[in-house]
Amino acid sequence: MYHLLADMVIVVHFLFILFVVAGGLLTLHRPRAAWLHLPAACWGAFIEFAGWICPLTPLENHLRRLGGEASYTGDFVTRYLIPVIYPAGLSAFTQYILGGLVIAVNLMIYGYIFRRRFLSRA
């Protein structure tokens, strides 16, 4: 049971990261989604810039230990995403890049949304 819960945490964590990075696209069709997305994007960027570990990572590790499995050190990005994207591992510089990408992608999306709305009213 704990193994299943830990796997569910991984899925939720991954979906949250996708929402942080590209959730602004949801606001193209659902403008009110910005009220959820902007705080999530700020949190995601802050976690990367501060070098903190998301609270979902210790939760996953705790569930794995309860299920008799080994936990891991580091954070979700280091464990699951960086090995796929950057084989060398996570450094402070890489975290700054990831945080900057979160901000840049979302600035582009929201810039497009605001520009489209502004031009449609003019």
N, C-alpha and C. Protein backbone atom coordinates (compact mmCIF):
# COMPACT_ATOMS: atom_id res chain seq x y z
N MET A 1 0.82 -1.20 0.00
CA MET A 1 0.00 0.00 0.00
C MET A 1 0.87 1.27 0.00
N TYR A 2 1.92 1.27 0.83
CA TYR A 2 2.79 2.45 0.91
C TYR A 2 3.53 2.68 -0.40
N HIS A 3 3.90 1.59 -1.06
CA HIS A 3 4.56 1.71 -2.36
C HIS A 3 3.64 2.41 -3.35
N LEU A 4 2.38 2.03 -3.37
CA LEU A 4 1.40 2.66 -4.26
C LEU A 4 1.22 4.14 -3.93
N LEU A 5 1.13 4.45 -2.64
CA LEU A 5 1.00 5.85 -2.23
C LEU A 5 2.23 6.67 -2.64
N ALA A 6 3.42 6.08 -2.47
CA ALA A 6 4.65 6.77 -2.87
C ALA A 6 4.65 7.02 -4.38
N ASP A 7 4.20 6.04 -5.15
CA ASP A 7 4.12 6.21 -6.60
C ASP A 7 3.11 7.29 -6.97
N MET A 8 2.01 7.36 -6.22
CA MET A 8 1.01 8.41 -6.47
C MET A 8 1.60 9.79 -6.19
N VAL A 9 2.43 9.88 -5.16
CA VAL A 9 3.09 11.16 -4.85
C VAL A 9 3.99 11.56 -6.01
N ILE A 10 4.69 10.58 -6.61
CA ILE A 10 5.54 10.88 -7.75
C ILE A 10 4.71 11.44 -8.90
N VAL A 11 3.58 10.82 -9.18
CA VAL A 11 2.71 11.29 -10.27
C VAL A 11 2.21 12.70 -9.98
N VAL A 12 1.74 12.94 -8.77
CA VAL A 12 1.26 14.27 -8.40
C VAL A 12 2.38 15.29 -8.50
N HIS A 13 3.57 14.92 -8.04
CA HIS A 13 4.74 15.81 -8.10
C HIS A 13 5.07 16.17 -9.54
N PHE A 14 5.09 15.16 -10.41
CA PHE A 14 5.39 15.41 -11.81
C PHE A 14 4.33 16.30 -12.46
N LEU A 15 3.05 16.04 -12.17
CA LEU A 15 1.97 16.87 -12.72
C LEU A 15 2.06 18.30 -12.20
N PHE A 16 2.45 18.45 -10.94
CA PHE A 16 2.62 19.79 -10.39
C PHE A 16 3.74 20.53 -11.13
N ILE A 17 4.84 19.84 -11.39
CA ILE A 17 5.94 20.46 -12.12
C ILE A 17 5.50 20.87 -13.52
N LEU A 18 4.75 20.01 -14.19
CA LEU A 18 4.21 20.38 -15.51
C LEU A 18 3.31 21.60 -15.41
N PHE A 19 2.49 21.65 -14.37
CA PHE A 19 1.61 22.79 -14.17
C PHE A 19 2.42 24.06 -13.92
N VAL A 20 3.49 23.95 -13.13
CA VAL A 20 4.35 25.10 -12.85
C VAL A 20 4.96 25.64 -14.14
N VAL A 21 5.47 24.74 -14.97
CA VAL A 21 6.18 25.16 -16.17
C VAL A 21 5.21 25.63 -17.26
N ALA A 22 4.15 24.90 -17.49
CA ALA A 22 3.30 25.19 -18.65
C ALA A 22 1.85 25.47 -18.30
N GLY A 23 1.53 25.62 -17.03
CA GLY A 23 0.15 25.87 -16.63
C GLY A 23 -0.40 27.18 -17.15
N GLY A 24 0.48 28.09 -17.53
CA GLY A 24 0.02 29.34 -18.12
C GLY A 24 -0.78 29.11 -19.39
N LEU A 25 -0.47 28.02 -20.08
CA LEU A 25 -1.23 27.70 -21.30
C LEU A 25 -2.70 27.43 -20.97
N LEU A 26 -2.95 26.90 -19.79
CA LEU A 26 -4.32 26.65 -19.37
C LEU A 26 -5.11 27.95 -19.27
N THR A 27 -4.42 29.02 -18.94
CA THR A 27 -5.10 30.31 -18.80
C THR A 27 -5.55 30.89 -20.14
N LEU A 28 -5.05 30.33 -21.22
CA LEU A 28 -5.54 30.77 -22.53
C LEU A 28 -7.02 30.46 -22.68
N HIS A 29 -7.45 29.33 -22.12
CA HIS A 29 -8.85 28.91 -22.23
C HIS A 29 -9.62 29.11 -20.93
N ARG A 30 -8.91 29.13 -19.84
CA ARG A 30 -9.53 29.31 -18.52
C ARG A 30 -8.77 30.41 -17.77
N PRO A 31 -9.12 31.66 -18.01
CA PRO A 31 -8.37 32.76 -17.39
C PRO A 31 -8.29 32.70 -15.87
N ARG A 32 -9.30 32.15 -15.23
CA ARG A 32 -9.28 32.08 -13.77
C ARG A 32 -8.22 31.10 -13.26
N ALA A 33 -7.71 30.24 -14.12
CA ALA A 33 -6.66 29.31 -13.71
C ALA A 33 -5.40 30.06 -13.29
N ALA A 34 -5.26 31.30 -13.72
CA ALA A 34 -4.10 32.10 -13.33
C ALA A 34 -4.02 32.27 -11.82
N TRP A 35 -5.15 32.28 -11.14
CA TRP A 35 -5.16 32.42 -9.68
C TRP A 35 -4.51 31.22 -9.00
N LEU A 36 -4.53 30.07 -9.64
CA LEU A 36 -3.84 28.89 -9.12
C LEU A 36 -2.43 28.78 -9.67
N HIS A 37 -2.30 29.13 -10.95
CA HIS A 37 -1.02 28.92 -11.60
C HIS A 37 0.07 29.89 -11.15
N LEU A 38 -0.25 31.16 -11.03
CA LEU A 38 0.79 32.13 -10.66
C LEU A 38 1.44 31.80 -9.31
N PRO A 39 0.68 31.49 -8.26
CA PRO A 39 1.36 31.09 -7.01
C PRO A 39 2.17 29.80 -7.17
N ALA A 40 1.67 28.86 -7.95
CA ALA A 40 2.40 27.61 -8.16
C ALA A 40 3.71 27.88 -8.90
N ALA A 41 3.67 28.73 -9.92
CA ALA A 41 4.88 29.06 -10.68
C ALA A 41 5.89 29.81 -9.79
N CYS A 42 5.40 30.70 -8.96
CA CYS A 42 6.30 31.41 -8.03
C CYS A 42 6.94 30.43 -7.05
N TRP A 43 6.15 29.51 -6.54
CA TRP A 43 6.67 28.49 -5.63
C TRP A 43 7.74 27.65 -6.32
N GLY A 44 7.45 27.19 -7.53
CA GLY A 44 8.40 26.37 -8.27
C GLY A 44 9.72 27.09 -8.54
N ALA A 45 9.63 28.35 -8.95
CA ALA A 45 10.85 29.12 -9.20
C ALA A 45 11.60 29.36 -7.89
N PHE A 46 10.87 29.68 -6.83
CA PHE A 46 11.50 29.93 -5.54
C PHE A 46 12.24 28.69 -5.02
N ILE A 47 11.62 27.54 -5.14
CA ILE A 47 12.25 26.29 -4.70
C ILE A 47 13.57 26.08 -5.45
N GLU A 48 13.57 26.34 -6.75
CA GLU A 48 14.80 26.17 -7.53
C GLU A 48 15.86 27.19 -7.15
N PHE A 49 15.46 28.46 -7.04
CA PHE A 49 16.43 29.49 -6.72
C PHE A 49 16.99 29.34 -5.31
N ALA A 50 16.16 28.91 -4.38
CA ALA A 50 16.61 28.76 -2.99
C ALA A 50 17.36 27.46 -2.76
N GLY A 51 17.25 26.53 -3.70
CA GLY A 51 17.91 25.24 -3.53
C GLY A 51 17.22 24.36 -2.50
N TRP A 52 15.95 24.64 -2.24
CA TRP A 52 15.19 23.85 -1.27
C TRP A 52 14.68 22.57 -1.90
N ILE A 53 14.16 21.70 -1.06
CA ILE A 53 13.53 20.47 -1.51
C ILE A 53 12.03 20.61 -1.31
N CYS A 54 11.28 20.29 -2.33
CA CYS A 54 9.82 20.36 -2.26
C CYS A 54 9.33 19.40 -1.17
N PRO A 55 8.32 19.80 -0.41
CA PRO A 55 7.79 18.92 0.66
C PRO A 55 7.27 17.57 0.16
N LEU A 56 6.96 17.45 -1.11
CA LEU A 56 6.49 16.17 -1.62
C LEU A 56 7.60 15.12 -1.64
N THR A 57 8.85 15.53 -1.75
CA THR A 57 9.97 14.58 -1.77
C THR A 57 10.12 13.85 -0.44
N PRO A 58 10.17 14.57 0.70
CA PRO A 58 10.24 13.84 1.97
C PRO A 58 9.00 12.96 2.21
N LEU A 59 7.84 13.41 1.73
CA LEU A 59 6.64 12.59 1.86
C LEU A 59 6.80 11.28 1.10
N GLU A 60 7.29 11.37 -0.12
CA GLU A 60 7.53 10.15 -0.91
C GLU A 60 8.52 9.24 -0.20
N ASN A 61 9.62 9.80 0.28
CA ASN A 61 10.63 9.00 0.97
C ASN A 61 10.06 8.34 2.23
N HIS A 62 9.24 9.07 2.96
CA HIS A 62 8.62 8.52 4.17
C HIS A 62 7.72 7.33 3.81
N LEU A 63 6.93 7.49 2.78
CA LEU A 63 6.05 6.40 2.36
C LEU A 63 6.86 5.19 1.89
N ARG A 64 7.96 5.43 1.21
CA ARG A 64 8.81 4.32 0.77
C ARG A 64 9.40 3.58 1.97
N ARG A 65 9.87 4.33 2.96
CA ARG A 65 10.42 3.69 4.17
C ARG A 65 9.34 2.87 4.89
N LEU A 66 8.13 3.42 4.98
CA LEU A 66 7.04 2.68 5.62
C LEU A 66 6.71 1.40 4.86
N GLY A 67 6.92 1.42 3.55
CA GLY A 67 6.67 0.24 2.74
C GLY A 67 7.85 -0.71 2.67
N GLY A 68 8.93 -0.40 3.41
CA GLY A 68 10.09 -1.28 3.43
C GLY A 68 11.05 -1.06 2.29
N GLU A 69 10.88 0.00 1.54
CA GLU A 69 11.78 0.30 0.44
C GLU A 69 12.85 1.30 0.89
N ALA A 70 13.87 1.42 0.09
CA ALA A 70 14.92 2.40 0.36
C ALA A 70 14.46 3.77 -0.10
N SER A 71 14.76 4.78 0.69
CA SER A 71 14.49 6.15 0.26
C SER A 71 15.72 6.66 -0.48
N TYR A 72 15.64 7.87 -0.98
CA TYR A 72 16.78 8.44 -1.69
C TYR A 72 17.09 9.81 -1.12
N THR A 73 18.29 10.29 -1.42
CA THR A 73 18.67 11.63 -0.97
C THR A 73 18.46 12.60 -2.12
N GLY A 74 18.44 13.86 -1.81
CA GLY A 74 18.23 14.87 -2.84
C GLY A 74 16.75 15.16 -3.02
N ASP A 75 16.42 15.76 -4.14
CA ASP A 75 15.03 16.14 -4.38
C ASP A 75 14.47 15.43 -5.61
N PHE A 76 13.21 15.69 -5.89
CA PHE A 76 12.51 15.05 -6.99
C PHE A 76 13.20 15.33 -8.33
N VAL A 77 13.56 16.58 -8.53
CA VAL A 77 14.20 16.97 -9.79
C VAL A 77 15.50 16.20 -9.97
N THR A 78 16.30 16.12 -8.89
CA THR A 78 17.57 15.41 -8.96
C THR A 78 17.35 13.92 -9.23
N ARG A 79 16.35 13.35 -8.60
CA ARG A 79 16.10 11.91 -8.68
C ARG A 79 15.49 11.48 -10.02
N TYR A 80 14.48 12.21 -10.49
CA TYR A 80 13.71 11.74 -11.64
C TYR A 80 13.90 12.54 -12.93
N LEU A 81 14.03 13.86 -12.83
CA LEU A 81 14.08 14.67 -14.04
C LEU A 81 15.49 14.93 -14.55
N ILE A 82 16.40 15.28 -13.66
CA ILE A 82 17.75 15.61 -14.08
C ILE A 82 18.44 14.44 -14.78
N PRO A 83 18.30 13.19 -14.28
CA PRO A 83 18.95 12.09 -15.01
C PRO A 83 18.46 11.95 -16.45
N VAL A 84 17.25 12.36 -16.70
CA VAL A 84 16.71 12.29 -18.06
C VAL A 84 17.20 13.48 -18.89
N ILE A 85 17.15 14.67 -18.29
CA ILE A 85 17.48 15.89 -19.02
C ILE A 85 18.98 16.18 -19.00
N TYR A 86 19.57 16.09 -17.81
CA TYR A 86 20.99 16.39 -17.63
C TYR A 86 21.68 15.22 -16.94
N PRO A 87 22.34 14.36 -17.68
CA PRO A 87 22.94 13.16 -17.07
C PRO A 87 24.00 13.45 -16.01
N ALA A 88 24.61 14.62 -16.01
CA ALA A 88 25.71 14.89 -15.08
C ALA A 88 25.24 15.16 -13.66
N GLY A 89 24.01 15.53 -13.43
CA GLY A 89 23.52 15.80 -12.07
C GLY A 89 23.17 17.26 -11.89
N LEU A 90 22.59 17.54 -10.74
CA LEU A 90 22.07 18.87 -10.44
C LEU A 90 23.10 19.70 -9.70
N SER A 91 23.39 20.86 -10.24
CA SER A 91 24.27 21.81 -9.57
C SER A 91 23.46 23.06 -9.26
N ALA A 92 24.03 23.95 -8.47
CA ALA A 92 23.34 25.21 -8.17
C ALA A 92 23.08 25.98 -9.45
N PHE A 93 24.04 25.98 -10.36
CA PHE A 93 23.87 26.68 -11.63
C PHE A 93 22.69 26.11 -12.42
N THR A 94 22.58 24.78 -12.44
CA THR A 94 21.48 24.13 -13.15
C THR A 94 20.15 24.51 -12.52
N GLN A 95 20.12 24.59 -11.20
CA GLN A 95 18.88 24.99 -10.53
C GLN A 95 18.50 26.42 -10.91
N TYR A 96 19.47 27.30 -11.02
CA TYR A 96 19.18 28.67 -11.46
C TYR A 96 18.63 28.67 -12.88
N ILE A 97 19.19 27.83 -13.72
CA ILE A 97 18.70 27.72 -15.10
C ILE A 97 17.24 27.24 -15.09
N LEU A 98 16.95 26.21 -14.31
CA LEU A 98 15.59 25.67 -14.25
C LEU A 98 14.61 26.71 -13.71
N GLY A 99 15.00 27.41 -12.65
CA GLY A 99 14.15 28.48 -12.12
C GLY A 99 13.93 29.58 -13.14
N GLY A 100 14.99 29.94 -13.86
CA GLY A 100 14.87 30.95 -14.92
C GLY A 100 13.98 30.50 -16.05
N LEU A 101 14.05 29.21 -16.39
CA LEU A 101 13.17 28.69 -17.44
C LEU A 101 11.70 28.75 -17.02
N VAL A 102 11.42 28.43 -15.77
CA VAL A 102 10.05 28.54 -15.27
C VAL A 102 9.54 29.97 -15.45
N ILE A 103 10.36 30.92 -15.06
CA ILE A 103 9.96 32.33 -15.18
C ILE A 103 9.84 32.74 -16.64
N ALA A 104 10.81 32.38 -17.46
CA ALA A 104 10.81 32.79 -18.87
C ALA A 104 9.61 32.21 -19.63
N VAL A 105 9.36 30.93 -19.46
CA VAL A 105 8.23 30.30 -20.16
C VAL A 105 6.93 30.96 -19.76
N ASN A 106 6.77 31.19 -18.46
CA ASN A 106 5.52 31.78 -18.00
C ASN A 106 5.39 33.25 -18.36
N LEU A 107 6.48 33.98 -18.39
CA LEU A 107 6.42 35.37 -18.84
C LEU A 107 5.99 35.43 -20.30
N MET A 108 6.50 34.52 -21.12
CA MET A 108 6.09 34.49 -22.53
C MET A 108 4.60 34.18 -22.66
N ILE A 109 4.13 33.19 -21.91
CA ILE A 109 2.72 32.81 -21.99
C ILE A 109 1.83 33.94 -21.52
N TYR A 110 2.13 34.50 -20.34
CA TYR A 110 1.29 35.58 -19.83
C TYR A 110 1.44 36.85 -20.65
N GLY A 111 2.61 37.10 -21.19
CA GLY A 111 2.78 38.24 -22.10
C GLY A 111 1.88 38.11 -23.31
N TYR A 112 1.82 36.91 -23.86
CA TYR A 112 0.94 36.65 -25.00
C TYR A 112 -0.52 36.86 -24.62
N ILE A 113 -0.91 36.35 -23.47
CA ILE A 113 -2.30 36.48 -23.02
C ILE A 113 -2.67 37.94 -22.82
N PHE A 114 -1.83 38.69 -22.12
CA PHE A 114 -2.13 40.09 -21.87
C PHE A 114 -2.11 40.89 -23.17
N ARG A 115 -1.18 40.61 -24.04
CA ARG A 115 -1.12 41.31 -25.32
C ARG A 115 -2.37 41.03 -26.15
N ARG A 116 -2.77 39.77 -26.18
CA ARG A 116 -3.96 39.39 -26.94
C ARG A 116 -5.20 40.09 -26.39
N ARG A 117 -5.32 40.13 -25.09
CA ARG A 117 -6.49 40.79 -24.48
C ARG A 117 -6.43 42.29 -24.68
N PHE A 118 -5.25 42.88 -24.54
CA PHE A 118 -5.11 44.31 -24.72
C PHE A 118 -5.42 44.71 -26.15
N LEU A 119 -4.89 43.97 -27.13
CA LEU A 119 -5.13 44.29 -28.53
C LEU A 119 -6.57 44.05 -28.93
N SER A 120 -7.23 43.08 -28.32
CA SER A 120 -8.63 42.82 -28.67
C SER A 120 -9.54 43.90 -28.13
N ARG A 121 -9.15 44.58 -27.06
CA ARG A 121 -9.96 45.68 -26.51
C ARG A 121 -9.69 46.99 -27.24
N ALA A 122 -8.53 47.10 -27.85
CA ALA A 122 -8.16 48.37 -28.50
C ALA A 122 -8.77 48.51 -29.87
